[in-house]
C-alpha atoms as a PDB file:
ATOM      1  CA  UNK A   1      87.043  51.307 -15.437  1.00  0.00           C
ATOM      2  CA  UNK A   2      84.212  53.688 -16.412  1.00  0.00           C
ATOM      3  CA  UNK A   3      81.032  53.821 -14.393  1.00  0.00           C
ATOM      4  CA  UNK A   4      77.569  54.605 -15.714  1.00  0.00           C
ATOM      5  CA  UNK A   5      74.459  55.525 -13.782  1.00  0.00           C
ATOM      6  CA  UNK A   6      71.260  53.884 -14.987  1.00  0.00           C
ATOM      7  CA  UNK A   7      67.815  54.650 -13.635  1.00  0.00           C
ATOM      8  CA  UNK A   8      65.342  51.796 -13.210  1.00  0.00           C
ATOM      9  CA  UNK A   9      61.932  52.477 -11.717  1.00  0.00           C
ATOM     10  CA  UNK A  10      63.104  55.894 -10.495  1.00  0.00           C
ATOM     11  CA  UNK A  11      66.119  54.443  -8.651  1.00  0.00           C
ATOM     12  CA  UNK A  12      69.696  55.135  -9.707  1.00  0.00           C
ATOM     13  CA  UNK A  13      72.262  52.359 -10.002  1.00  0.00           C
ATOM     14  CA  UNK A  14      75.959  52.881 -10.689  1.00  0.00           C
ATOM     15  CA  UNK A  15      77.305  50.197 -13.001  1.00  0.00           C
ATOM     16  CA  UNK A  16      80.927  49.587 -14.012  1.00  0.00           C
ATOM     17  CA  UNK A  17      81.583  48.794 -17.656  1.00  0.00           C
ATOM     18  CA  UNK A  18      84.390  48.491 -20.172  1.00  0.00           C
ATOM     19  CA  UNK A  19      85.692  51.661 -21.832  1.00  0.00           C
ATOM     20  CA  UNK A  20      83.538  52.561 -24.822  1.00  0.00           C
ATOM     21  CA  UNK A  21      80.489  50.602 -23.573  1.00  0.00           C
ATOM     22  CA  UNK A  22      78.939  53.482 -21.642  1.00  0.00           C
ATOM     23  CA  UNK A  23      76.244  54.312 -24.218  1.00  0.00           C
ATOM     24  CA  UNK A  24      75.319  50.650 -24.651  1.00  0.00           C
ATOM     25  CA  UNK A  25      74.942  50.187 -20.885  1.00  0.00           C
ATOM     26  CA  UNK A  26      72.721  53.286 -20.720  1.00  0.00           C
ATOM     27  CA  UNK A  27      70.617  51.926 -23.591  1.00  0.00           C
ATOM     28  CA  UNK A  28      70.257  48.562 -21.859  1.00  0.00           C
ATOM     29  CA  UNK A  29      69.301  50.360 -18.648  1.00  0.00           C
ATOM     30  CA  UNK A  30      66.550  52.228 -20.501  1.00  0.00           C
ATOM     31  CA  UNK A  31      65.282  48.924 -21.906  1.00  0.00           C
ATOM     32  CA  UNK A  32      65.119  47.384 -18.429  1.00  0.00           C
ATOM     33  CA  UNK A  33      63.457  50.512 -17.055  1.00  0.00           C
ATOM     34  CA  UNK A  34      60.779  50.366 -19.760  1.00  0.00           C
ATOM     35  CA  UNK A  35      59.954  46.767 -18.834  1.00  0.00           C
ATOM     36  CA  UNK A  36      59.863  47.493 -15.091  1.00  0.00           C
ATOM     37  CA  UNK A  37      57.737  50.628 -15.516  1.00  0.00           C
ATOM     38  CA  UNK A  38      55.315  48.679 -17.728  1.00  0.00           C
ATOM     39  CA  UNK A  39      54.939  45.948 -15.114  1.00  0.00           C
ATOM     40  CA  UNK A  40      54.601  48.554 -12.343  1.00  0.00           C
ATOM     41  CA  UNK A  41      51.663  50.149 -14.175  1.00  0.00           C
ATOM     42  CA  UNK A  42      49.921  46.775 -14.435  1.00  0.00           C
ATOM     43  CA  UNK A  43      50.653  45.814 -10.824  1.00  0.00           C
ATOM     44  CA  UNK A  44      51.335  48.916  -8.737  1.00  0.00           C
ATOM     45  CA  UNK A  45      51.521  46.886  -5.506  1.00  0.00           C
ATOM     46  CA  UNK A  46      54.352  44.640  -6.746  1.00  0.00           C
ATOM     47  CA  UNK A  47      57.639  45.091  -4.952  1.00  0.00           C
ATOM     48  CA  UNK A  48      60.759  46.295  -6.702  1.00  0.00           C
ATOM     49  CA  UNK A  49      62.467  42.898  -6.541  1.00  0.00           C
ATOM     50  CA  UNK A  50      59.474  41.233  -8.197  1.00  0.00           C
ATOM     51  CA  UNK A  51      59.377  43.896 -10.907  1.00  0.00           C
ATOM     52  CA  UNK A  52      63.087  43.425 -11.613  1.00  0.00           C
ATOM     53  CA  UNK A  53      62.697  39.644 -11.762  1.00  0.00           C
ATOM     54  CA  UNK A  54      59.754  39.982 -14.145  1.00  0.00           C
ATOM     55  CA  UNK A  55      61.760  42.326 -16.380  1.00  0.00           C
ATOM     56  CA  UNK A  56      64.737  39.946 -16.334  1.00  0.00           C
ATOM     57  CA  UNK A  57      62.513  36.994 -17.202  1.00  0.00           C
ATOM     58  CA  UNK A  58      60.891  38.903 -20.049  1.00  0.00           C
ATOM     59  CA  UNK A  59      64.245  39.994 -21.472  1.00  0.00           C
ATOM     60  CA  UNK A  60      65.618  36.454 -21.131  1.00  0.00           C
ATOM     61  CA  UNK A  61      62.535  35.163 -22.935  1.00  0.00           C
ATOM     62  CA  UNK A  62      63.022  37.672 -25.758  1.00  0.00           C
ATOM     63  CA  UNK A  63      66.664  36.624 -26.081  1.00  0.00           C
ATOM     64  CA  UNK A  64      65.730  32.947 -26.097  1.00  0.00           C
ATOM     65  CA  UNK A  65      63.077  33.549 -28.754  1.00  0.00           C
ATOM     66  CA  UNK A  66      65.546  35.497 -30.905  1.00  0.00           C
ATOM     67  CA  UNK A  67      68.119  32.718 -30.607  1.00  0.00           C
ATOM     68  CA  UNK A  68      65.525  30.116 -31.572  1.00  0.00           C
ATOM     69  CA  UNK A  69      64.445  32.169 -34.581  1.00  0.00           C
ATOM     70  CA  UNK A  70      68.069  32.535 -35.644  1.00  0.00           C
ATOM     71  CA  UNK A  71      68.649  28.812 -35.213  1.00  0.00           C
ATOM     72  CA  UNK A  72      65.583  27.978 -37.317  1.00  0.00           C
ATOM     73  CA  UNK A  73      66.598  30.499 -39.956  1.00  0.00           C
ATOM     74  CA  UNK A  74      70.092  29.058 -40.230  1.00  0.00           C
ATOM     75  CA  UNK A  75      68.646  25.555 -40.375  1.00  0.00           C
ATOM     76  CA  UNK A  76      66.236  26.592 -43.153  1.00  0.00           C
ATOM     77  CA  UNK A  77      69.042  27.668 -45.449  1.00  0.00           C
ATOM     78  CA  UNK A  78      69.988  31.077 -44.081  1.00  0.00           C
ATOM     79  CA  UNK A  79      69.577  33.970 -46.511  1.00  0.00           C
ATOM     80  CA  UNK A  80      67.840  31.742 -49.060  1.00  0.00           C
ATOM     81  CA  UNK A  81      64.918  31.393 -46.654  1.00  0.00           C
ATOM     82  CA  UNK A  82      63.686  34.953 -47.466  1.00  0.00           C
ATOM     83  CA  UNK A  83      59.949  34.948 -46.725  1.00  0.00           C
ATOM     84  CA  UNK A  84      60.342  32.125 -44.226  1.00  0.00           C
ATOM     85  CA  UNK A  85      62.598  34.479 -42.279  1.00  0.00           C
ATOM     86  CA  UNK A  86      59.855  37.079 -41.979  1.00  0.00           C
ATOM     87  CA  UNK A  87      57.240  34.479 -41.136  1.00  0.00           C
ATOM     88  CA  UNK A  88      59.425  33.008 -38.379  1.00  0.00           C
ATOM     89  CA  UNK A  89      60.003  36.470 -36.903  1.00  0.00           C
ATOM     90  CA  UNK A  90      56.270  37.286 -37.066  1.00  0.00           C
ATOM     91  CA  UNK A  91      55.411  33.992 -35.384  1.00  0.00           C
ATOM     92  CA  UNK A  92      58.019  34.644 -32.701  1.00  0.00           C
ATOM     93  CA  UNK A  93      56.625  38.114 -32.038  1.00  0.00           C
ATOM     94  CA  UNK A  94      53.095  36.730 -31.744  1.00  0.00           C
ATOM     95  CA  UNK A  95      54.232  34.073 -29.282  1.00  0.00           C
ATOM     96  CA  UNK A  96      56.168  36.644 -27.281  1.00  0.00           C
ATOM     97  CA  UNK A  97      53.132  38.939 -27.120  1.00  0.00           C
ATOM     98  CA  UNK A  98      51.025  36.043 -25.852  1.00  0.00           C
ATOM     99  CA  UNK A  99      53.622  35.253 -23.181  1.00  0.00           C
ATOM    100  CA  UNK A 100      53.736  38.883 -22.090  1.00  0.00           C
ATOM    101  CA  UNK A 101      49.950  38.930 -21.740  1.00  0.00           C
ATOM    102  CA  UNK A 102      50.041  35.678 -19.774  1.00  0.00           C
ATOM    103  CA  UNK A 103      52.745  36.941 -17.408  1.00  0.00           C
ATOM    104  CA  UNK A 104      50.879  40.229 -16.913  1.00  0.00           C
ATOM    105  CA  UNK A 105      47.670  38.332 -16.108  1.00  0.00           C
ATOM    106  CA  UNK A 106      49.509  36.147 -13.593  1.00  0.00           C
ATOM    107  CA  UNK A 107      51.101  39.168 -11.998  1.00  0.00           C
ATOM    108  CA  UNK A 108      47.699  40.854 -11.685  1.00  0.00           C
ATOM    109  CA  UNK A 109      46.200  37.682 -10.209  1.00  0.00           C
ATOM    110  CA  UNK A 110      48.877  37.539  -7.512  1.00  0.00           C
ATOM    111  CA  UNK A 111      48.120  41.131  -6.550  1.00  0.00           C
ATOM    112  CA  UNK A 112      44.400  40.546  -5.969  1.00  0.00           C
END
């Protein structure tokens, strides 16, 4: 089984994956790292475990939002929805941005 090294918040982690998934695992690692580094900039005193949990929560929230948008799109008639598709995605992005700001504010408040 192949192993891939991903770097998150300047720490290396060796992860096993299926053959052919190495690039995808690296890409996912970079996505997690970007979230953790962003949170670390906003709250430099936060511990690594907290940063990883925040990144996991944010990624889970993004996935949940994407699933909900897909569900609504399919319920609205799929491809025939057209403009409604774009509006639902825009609304989802706005809500996600608001959640990110709220989480960042809470994280800052806990560091004070």
